[in-house]
PDB file of all heavy atoms in Angstrom:
ATOM      1  N   ASN A   1      45.083 178.171   9.995  1.00  0.00           N
ATOM      2  CA  ASN A   1      45.549 179.244  10.875  1.00  0.00           C
ATOM      3  C   ASN A   1      46.885 178.945  11.550  1.00  0.00           C
ATOM      4  O   ASN A   1      47.317 179.691  12.425  1.00  0.00           O
ATOM      5  CB  ASN A   1      44.488 179.536  11.946  1.00  0.00           C
ATOM      6  CG  ASN A   1      43.196 180.021  11.334  1.00  0.00           C
ATOM      7  OD1 ASN A   1      43.198 180.830  10.405  1.00  0.00           O
ATOM      8  ND2 ASN A   1      42.068 179.512  11.826  1.00  0.00           N
ATOM      9  N   LEU A   2      47.525 177.860  11.129  1.00  0.00           N
ATOM     10  CA  LEU A   2      48.815 177.504  11.726  1.00  0.00           C
ATOM     11  C   LEU A   2      49.864 178.548  11.352  1.00  0.00           C
ATOM     12  O   LEU A   2      50.081 178.842  10.175  1.00  0.00           O
ATOM     13  CB  LEU A   2      49.260 176.132  11.234  1.00  0.00           C
ATOM     14  CG  LEU A   2      50.570 175.609  11.819  1.00  0.00           C
ATOM     15  CD1 LEU A   2      50.431 175.361  13.309  1.00  0.00           C
ATOM     16  CD2 LEU A   2      51.006 174.338  11.115  1.00  0.00           C
ATOM     17  N   ALA A   3      50.526 179.114  12.369  1.00  0.00           N
ATOM     18  CA  ALA A   3      51.486 180.183  12.123  1.00  0.00           C
ATOM     19  C   ALA A   3      52.843 179.931  12.764  1.00  0.00           C
ATOM     20  O   ALA A   3      53.802 180.632  12.465  1.00  0.00           O
ATOM     21  CB  ALA A   3      50.931 181.510  12.631  1.00  0.00           C
ATOM     22  N   ARG A   4      52.935 178.935  13.631  1.00  0.00           N
ATOM     23  CA  ARG A   4      54.192 178.733  14.350  1.00  0.00           C
ATOM     24  C   ARG A   4      54.437 177.244  14.556  1.00  0.00           C
ATOM     25  O   ARG A   4      53.534 176.516  14.975  1.00  0.00           O
ATOM     26  CB  ARG A   4      54.153 179.443  15.702  1.00  0.00           C
ATOM     27  CG  ARG A   4      55.433 179.297  16.507  1.00  0.00           C
ATOM     28  CD  ARG A   4      55.364 180.112  17.781  1.00  0.00           C
ATOM     29  NE  ARG A   4      56.621 180.028  18.509  1.00  0.00           N
ATOM     30  CZ  ARG A   4      57.205 181.033  19.124  1.00  0.00           C
ATOM     31  NH1 ARG A   4      56.653 182.218  19.090  1.00  0.00           N
ATOM     32  NH2 ARG A   4      58.325 180.863  19.771  1.00  0.00           N
ATOM     33  N   ILE A   5      55.650 176.813  14.267  1.00  0.00           N
ATOM     34  CA  ILE A   5      56.031 175.416  14.447  1.00  0.00           C
ATOM     35  C   ILE A   5      57.320 175.350  15.250  1.00  0.00           C
ATOM     36  O   ILE A   5      58.273 176.077  14.970  1.00  0.00           O
ATOM     37  CB  ILE A   5      56.229 174.693  13.102  1.00  0.00           C
ATOM     38  CG1 ILE A   5      54.903 174.614  12.340  1.00  0.00           C
ATOM     39  CG2 ILE A   5      56.797 173.297  13.321  1.00  0.00           C
ATOM     40  CD1 ILE A   5      55.041 173.988  10.982  1.00  0.00           C
ATOM     41  N   VAL A   6      57.338 174.499  16.257  1.00  0.00           N
ATOM     42  CA  VAL A   6      58.550 174.235  17.027  1.00  0.00           C
ATOM     43  C   VAL A   6      58.918 172.769  16.822  1.00  0.00           C
ATOM     44  O   VAL A   6      58.096 171.887  17.048  1.00  0.00           O
ATOM     45  CB  VAL A   6      58.347 174.516  18.532  1.00  0.00           C
ATOM     46  CG1 VAL A   6      59.576 174.091  19.330  1.00  0.00           C
ATOM     47  CG2 VAL A   6      58.054 176.001  18.768  1.00  0.00           C
ATOM     48  N   VAL A   7      60.134 172.517  16.353  1.00  0.00           N
ATOM     49  CA  VAL A   7      60.663 171.158  16.261  1.00  0.00           C
ATOM     50  C   VAL A   7      61.681 171.030  17.386  1.00  0.00           C
ATOM     51  O   VAL A   7      62.685 171.737  17.397  1.00  0.00           O
ATOM     52  CB  VAL A   7      61.322 170.882  14.908  1.00  0.00           C
ATOM     53  CG1 VAL A   7      61.826 169.440  14.855  1.00  0.00           C
ATOM     54  CG2 VAL A   7      60.341 171.142  13.770  1.00  0.00           C
ATOM     55  N   ALA A   8      61.405 170.162  18.341  1.00  0.00           N
ATOM     56  CA  ALA A   8      62.246 170.059  19.526  1.00  0.00           C
ATOM     57  C   ALA A   8      62.773 168.646  19.692  1.00  0.00           C
ATOM     58  O   ALA A   8      62.109 167.676  19.323  1.00  0.00           O
ATOM     59  CB  ALA A   8      61.462 170.481  20.771  1.00  0.00           C
ATOM     60  N   GLY A   9      63.964 168.543  20.250  1.00  0.00           N
ATOM     61  CA  GLY A   9      64.534 167.236  20.524  1.00  0.00           C
ATOM     62  C   GLY A   9      65.394 167.296  21.765  1.00  0.00           C
ATOM     63  O   GLY A   9      65.984 168.330  22.075  1.00  0.00           O
ATOM     64  N   HIS A  10      65.455 166.181  22.484  1.00  0.00           N
ATOM     65  CA  HIS A  10      66.270 166.101  23.694  1.00  0.00           C
ATOM     66  C   HIS A  10      67.247 164.951  23.553  1.00  0.00           C
ATOM     67  O   HIS A  10      66.907 163.886  23.025  1.00  0.00           O
ATOM     68  CB  HIS A  10      65.378 165.875  24.918  1.00  0.00           C
ATOM     69  CG  HIS A  10      66.137 165.652  26.193  1.00  0.00           C
ATOM     70  ND1 HIS A  10      66.321 164.404  26.727  1.00  0.00           N
ATOM     71  CD2 HIS A  10      66.786 166.516  27.015  1.00  0.00           C
ATOM     72  CE1 HIS A  10      67.037 164.504  27.851  1.00  0.00           C
ATOM     73  NE2 HIS A  10      67.331 165.775  28.043  1.00  0.00           N
ATOM     74  N   SER A  11      68.478 165.158  23.977  1.00  0.00           N
ATOM     75  CA  SER A  11      69.492 164.118  23.912  1.00  0.00           C
ATOM     76  C   SER A  11      69.668 163.672  22.461  1.00  0.00           C
ATOM     77  O   SER A  11      69.907 164.500  21.593  1.00  0.00           O
ATOM     78  CB  SER A  11      69.091 162.949  24.824  1.00  0.00           C
ATOM     79  OG  SER A  11      70.108 161.987  24.894  1.00  0.00           O
ATOM     80  N   ALA A  12      69.521 162.386  22.161  1.00  0.00           N
ATOM     81  CA  ALA A  12      69.706 161.914  20.785  1.00  0.00           C
ATOM     82  C   ALA A  12      68.710 162.559  19.835  1.00  0.00           C
ATOM     83  O   ALA A  12      69.005 162.754  18.654  1.00  0.00           O
ATOM     84  CB  ALA A  12      69.573 160.395  20.736  1.00  0.00           C
ATOM     85  N   GLY A  13      67.530 162.892  20.343  1.00  0.00           N
ATOM     86  CA  GLY A  13      66.524 163.529  19.502  1.00  0.00           C
ATOM     87  C   GLY A  13      66.942 164.893  19.010  1.00  0.00           C
ATOM     88  O   GLY A  13      66.481 165.361  17.976  1.00  0.00           O
ATOM     89  N   ALA A  14      67.855 165.548  19.752  1.00  0.00           N
ATOM     90  CA  ALA A  14      68.342 166.855  19.330  1.00  0.00           C
ATOM     91  C   ALA A  14      69.117 166.747  18.024  1.00  0.00           C
ATOM     92  O   ALA A  14      69.110 167.664  17.212  1.00  0.00           O
ATOM     93  CB  ALA A  14      69.217 167.463  20.417  1.00  0.00           C
ATOM     94  N   ALA A  15      69.790 165.608  17.833  1.00  0.00           N
ATOM     95  CA  ALA A  15      70.561 165.409  16.610  1.00  0.00           C
ATOM     96  C   ALA A  15      69.653 165.352  15.396  1.00  0.00           C
ATOM     97  O   ALA A  15      70.016 165.793  14.311  1.00  0.00           O
ATOM     98  CB  ALA A  15      71.377 164.117  16.717  1.00  0.00           C
ATOM     99  N   GLY A  16      68.452 164.800  15.576  1.00  0.00           N
ATOM    100  CA  GLY A  16      67.524 164.717  14.467  1.00  0.00           C
ATOM    101  C   GLY A  16      66.688 165.960  14.292  1.00  0.00           C
ATOM    102  O   GLY A  16      66.309 166.315  13.182  1.00  0.00           O
ATOM    103  N   ALA A  17      66.392 166.653  15.381  1.00  0.00           N
ATOM    104  CA  ALA A  17      65.536 167.826  15.305  1.00  0.00           C
ATOM    105  C   ALA A  17      66.175 168.945  14.514  1.00  0.00           C
ATOM    106  O   ALA A  17      65.541 169.582  13.679  1.00  0.00           O
ATOM    107  CB  ALA A  17      65.193 168.319  16.718  1.00  0.00           C
ATOM    108  N   GLY A  18      67.469 169.197  14.757  1.00  0.00           N
ATOM    109  CA  GLY A  18      68.127 170.301  14.078  1.00  0.00           C
ATOM    110  C   GLY A  18      68.215 170.126  12.576  1.00  0.00           C
ATOM    111  O   GLY A  18      67.693 170.939  11.825  1.00  0.00           O
ATOM    112  N   PRO A  19      68.860 169.055  12.076  1.00  0.00           N
ATOM    113  CA  PRO A  19      68.995 168.885  10.634  1.00  0.00           C
ATOM    114  C   PRO A  19      67.668 168.753   9.911  1.00  0.00           C
ATOM    115  O   PRO A  19      67.487 169.312   8.843  1.00  0.00           O
ATOM    116  CB  PRO A  19      69.825 167.594  10.517  1.00  0.00           C
ATOM    117  CG  PRO A  19      70.547 167.500  11.810  1.00  0.00           C
ATOM    118  CD  PRO A  19      69.600 168.058  12.832  1.00  0.00           C
ATOM    119  N   SER A  20      66.710 168.010  10.463  1.00  0.00           N
ATOM    120  CA  SER A  20      65.446 167.822   9.765  1.00  0.00           C
ATOM    121  C   SER A  20      64.678 169.117   9.676  1.00  0.00           C
ATOM    122  O   SER A  20      64.035 169.418   8.677  1.00  0.00           O
ATOM    123  CB  SER A  20      64.602 166.750  10.457  1.00  0.00           C
ATOM    124  OG  SER A  20      64.319 167.093  11.787  1.00  0.00           O
ATOM    125  N   ALA A  21      64.707 169.922  10.740  1.00  0.00           N
ATOM    126  CA  ALA A  21      64.030 171.205  10.719  1.00  0.00           C
ATOM    127  C   ALA A  21      64.707 172.151   9.750  1.00  0.00           C
ATOM    128  O   ALA A  21      64.056 172.875   8.998  1.00  0.00           O
ATOM    129  CB  ALA A  21      64.008 171.813  12.114  1.00  0.00           C
ATOM    130  N   GLY A  22      66.047 172.133   9.742  1.00  0.00           N
ATOM    131  CA  GLY A  22      66.761 173.001   8.826  1.00  0.00           C
ATOM    132  C   GLY A  22      66.480 172.636   7.387  1.00  0.00           C
ATOM    133  O   GLY A  22      66.287 173.497   6.536  1.00  0.00           O
ATOM    134  N   GLU A  23      66.416 171.341   7.095  1.00  0.00           N
ATOM    135  CA  GLU A  23      66.129 170.888   5.738  1.00  0.00           C
ATOM    136  C   GLU A  23      64.745 171.348   5.318  1.00  0.00           C
ATOM    137  O   GLU A  23      64.541 171.840   4.211  1.00  0.00           O
ATOM    138  CB  GLU A  23      66.233 169.367   5.667  1.00  0.00           C
ATOM    139  CG  GLU A  23      65.927 168.792   4.298  1.00  0.00           C
ATOM    140  CD  GLU A  23      66.036 167.280   4.295  1.00  0.00           C
ATOM    141  OE1 GLU A  23      66.532 166.711   5.268  1.00  0.00           O
ATOM    142  OE2 GLU A  23      65.612 166.677   3.289  1.00  0.00           O
ATOM    143  N   ALA A  24      63.769 171.197   6.221  1.00  0.00           N
ATOM    144  CA  ALA A  24      62.412 171.583   5.876  1.00  0.00           C
ATOM    145  C   ALA A  24      62.288 173.086   5.733  1.00  0.00           C
ATOM    146  O   ALA A  24      61.480 173.576   4.968  1.00  0.00           O
ATOM    147  CB  ALA A  24      61.446 171.084   6.957  1.00  0.00           C
ATOM    148  N   ASN A  25      63.113 173.828   6.455  1.00  0.00           N
ATOM    149  CA  ASN A  25      63.017 175.274   6.412  1.00  0.00           C
ATOM    150  C   ASN A  25      63.681 175.850   5.168  1.00  0.00           C
ATOM    151  O   ASN A  25      63.305 176.903   4.679  1.00  0.00           O
ATOM    152  CB  ASN A  25      63.693 175.871   7.650  1.00  0.00           C
ATOM    153  CG  ASN A  25      63.305 177.306   7.876  1.00  0.00           C
ATOM    154  OD1 ASN A  25      62.222 177.719   7.527  1.00  0.00           O
ATOM    155  ND2 ASN A  25      64.201 178.061   8.473  1.00  0.00           N
ATOM    156  N   ASP A  26      64.688 175.151   4.609  1.00  0.00           N
ATOM    157  CA  ASP A  26      65.475 175.696   3.522  1.00  0.00           C
ATOM    158  C   ASP A  26      65.165 175.097   2.153  1.00  0.00           C
ATOM    159  O   ASP A  26      65.371 175.736   1.134  1.00  0.00           O
ATOM    160  CB  ASP A  26      66.971 175.491   3.799  1.00  0.00           C
ATOM    161  CG  ASP A  26      67.426 176.250   5.037  1.00  0.00           C
ATOM    162  OD1 ASP A  26      66.794 177.271   5.342  1.00  0.00           O
ATOM    163  OD2 ASP A  26      68.390 175.817   5.686  1.00  0.00           O
ATOM    164  N   ALA A  27      64.692 173.872   2.132  1.00  0.00           N
ATOM    165  CA  ALA A  27      64.456 173.219   0.848  1.00  0.00           C
ATOM    166  C   ALA A  27      63.357 173.921   0.079  1.00  0.00           C
ATOM    167  O   ALA A  27      62.384 174.385   0.639  1.00  0.00           O
ATOM    168  CB  ALA A  27      64.093 171.742   1.073  1.00  0.00           C
ATOM    169  N   GLY A  28      63.497 173.965  -1.237  1.00  0.00           N
ATOM    170  CA  GLY A  28      62.500 174.654  -2.034  1.00  0.00           C
ATOM    171  C   GLY A  28      61.530 173.718  -2.720  1.00  0.00           C
ATOM    172  O   GLY A  28      60.733 174.158  -3.551  1.00  0.00           O
ATOM    173  N   GLU A  29      61.565 172.430  -2.435  1.00  0.00           N
ATOM    174  CA  GLU A  29      60.719 171.501  -3.150  1.00  0.00           C
ATOM    175  C   GLU A  29      59.518 171.105  -2.317  1.00  0.00           C
ATOM    176  O   GLU A  29      59.589 170.981  -1.100  1.00  0.00           O
ATOM    177  CB  GLU A  29      61.515 170.243  -3.513  1.00  0.00           C
ATOM    178  CG  GLU A  29      62.111 169.543  -2.293  1.00  0.00           C
ATOM    179  CD  GLU A  29      63.186 168.550  -2.651  1.00  0.00           C
ATOM    180  OE1 GLU A  29      64.038 168.913  -3.474  1.00  0.00           O
ATOM    181  OE2 GLU A  29      63.167 167.433  -2.115  1.00  0.00           O
ATOM    182  N   GLY A  30      58.395 170.927  -2.985  1.00  0.00           N
ATOM    183  CA  GLY A  30      57.185 170.500  -2.284  1.00  0.00           C
ATOM    184  C   GLY A  30      56.405 171.674  -1.728  1.00  0.00           C
ATOM    185  O   GLY A  30      56.968 172.580  -1.123  1.00  0.00           O
ATOM    186  N   ALA A  31      55.105 171.668  -1.960  1.00  0.00           N
ATOM    187  CA  ALA A  31      54.277 172.781  -1.501  1.00  0.00           C
ATOM    188  C   ALA A  31      54.328 172.949   0.000  1.00  0.00           C
ATOM    189  O   ALA A  31      54.368 174.061   0.521  1.00  0.00           O
ATOM    190  CB  ALA A  31      52.829 172.566  -1.965  1.00  0.00           C
ATOM    191  N   GLY A  32      54.310 171.811   0.735  1.00  0.00           N
ATOM    192  CA  GLY A  32      54.322 171.901   2.184  1.00  0.00           C
ATOM    193  C   GLY A  32      55.609 172.493   2.711  1.00  0.00           C
ATOM    194  O   GLY A  32      55.604 173.410   3.535  1.00  0.00           O
ATOM    195  N   VAL A  33      56.743 172.006   2.208  1.00  0.00           N
ATOM    196  CA  VAL A  33      58.026 172.504   2.661  1.00  0.00           C
ATOM    197  C   VAL A  33      58.205 173.956   2.250  1.00  0.00           C
ATOM    198  O   VAL A  33      58.739 174.772   2.995  1.00  0.00           O
ATOM    199  CB  VAL A  33      59.170 171.639   2.096  1.00  0.00           C
ATOM    200  CG1 VAL A  33      60.524 172.263   2.401  1.00  0.00           C
ATOM    201  CG2 VAL A  33      59.098 170.241   2.694  1.00  0.00           C
ATOM    202  N   ALA A  34      57.727 174.315   1.050  1.00  0.00           N
ATOM    203  CA  ALA A  34      57.842 175.703   0.605  1.00  0.00           C
ATOM    204  C   ALA A  34      57.095 176.630   1.552  1.00  0.00           C
ATOM    205  O   ALA A  34      57.550 177.740   1.844  1.00  0.00           O
ATOM    206  CB  ALA A  34      57.287 175.839  -0.809  1.00  0.00           C
ATOM    207  N   ARG A  35      55.957 176.175   2.049  1.00  0.00           N
ATOM    208  CA  ARG A  35      55.208 177.029   2.966  1.00  0.00           C
ATOM    209  C   ARG A  35      55.965 177.196   4.283  1.00  0.00           C
ATOM    210  O   ARG A  35      55.879 178.236   4.924  1.00  0.00           O
ATOM    211  CB  ARG A  35      53.814 176.442   3.230  1.00  0.00           C
ATOM    212  CG  ARG A  35      52.963 177.339   4.116  1.00  0.00           C
ATOM    213  CD  ARG A  35      51.486 176.935   4.079  1.00  0.00           C
ATOM    214  NE  ARG A  35      50.735 177.839   4.930  1.00  0.00           N
ATOM    215  CZ  ARG A  35      50.291 177.540   6.147  1.00  0.00           C
ATOM    216  NH1 ARG A  35      50.515 176.348   6.639  1.00  0.00           N
ATOM    217  NH2 ARG A  35      49.628 178.416   6.858  1.00  0.00           N
TER     218      ARG A  35
END
């Protein structure tokens, strides 16, 4: 029933949160990432 995911980062963590979330949101490989 999972319908919403928030990837959040503060300070240095913000640098990792944005790119990693974008990669997972856009990449077409892997069943999990595709979902």
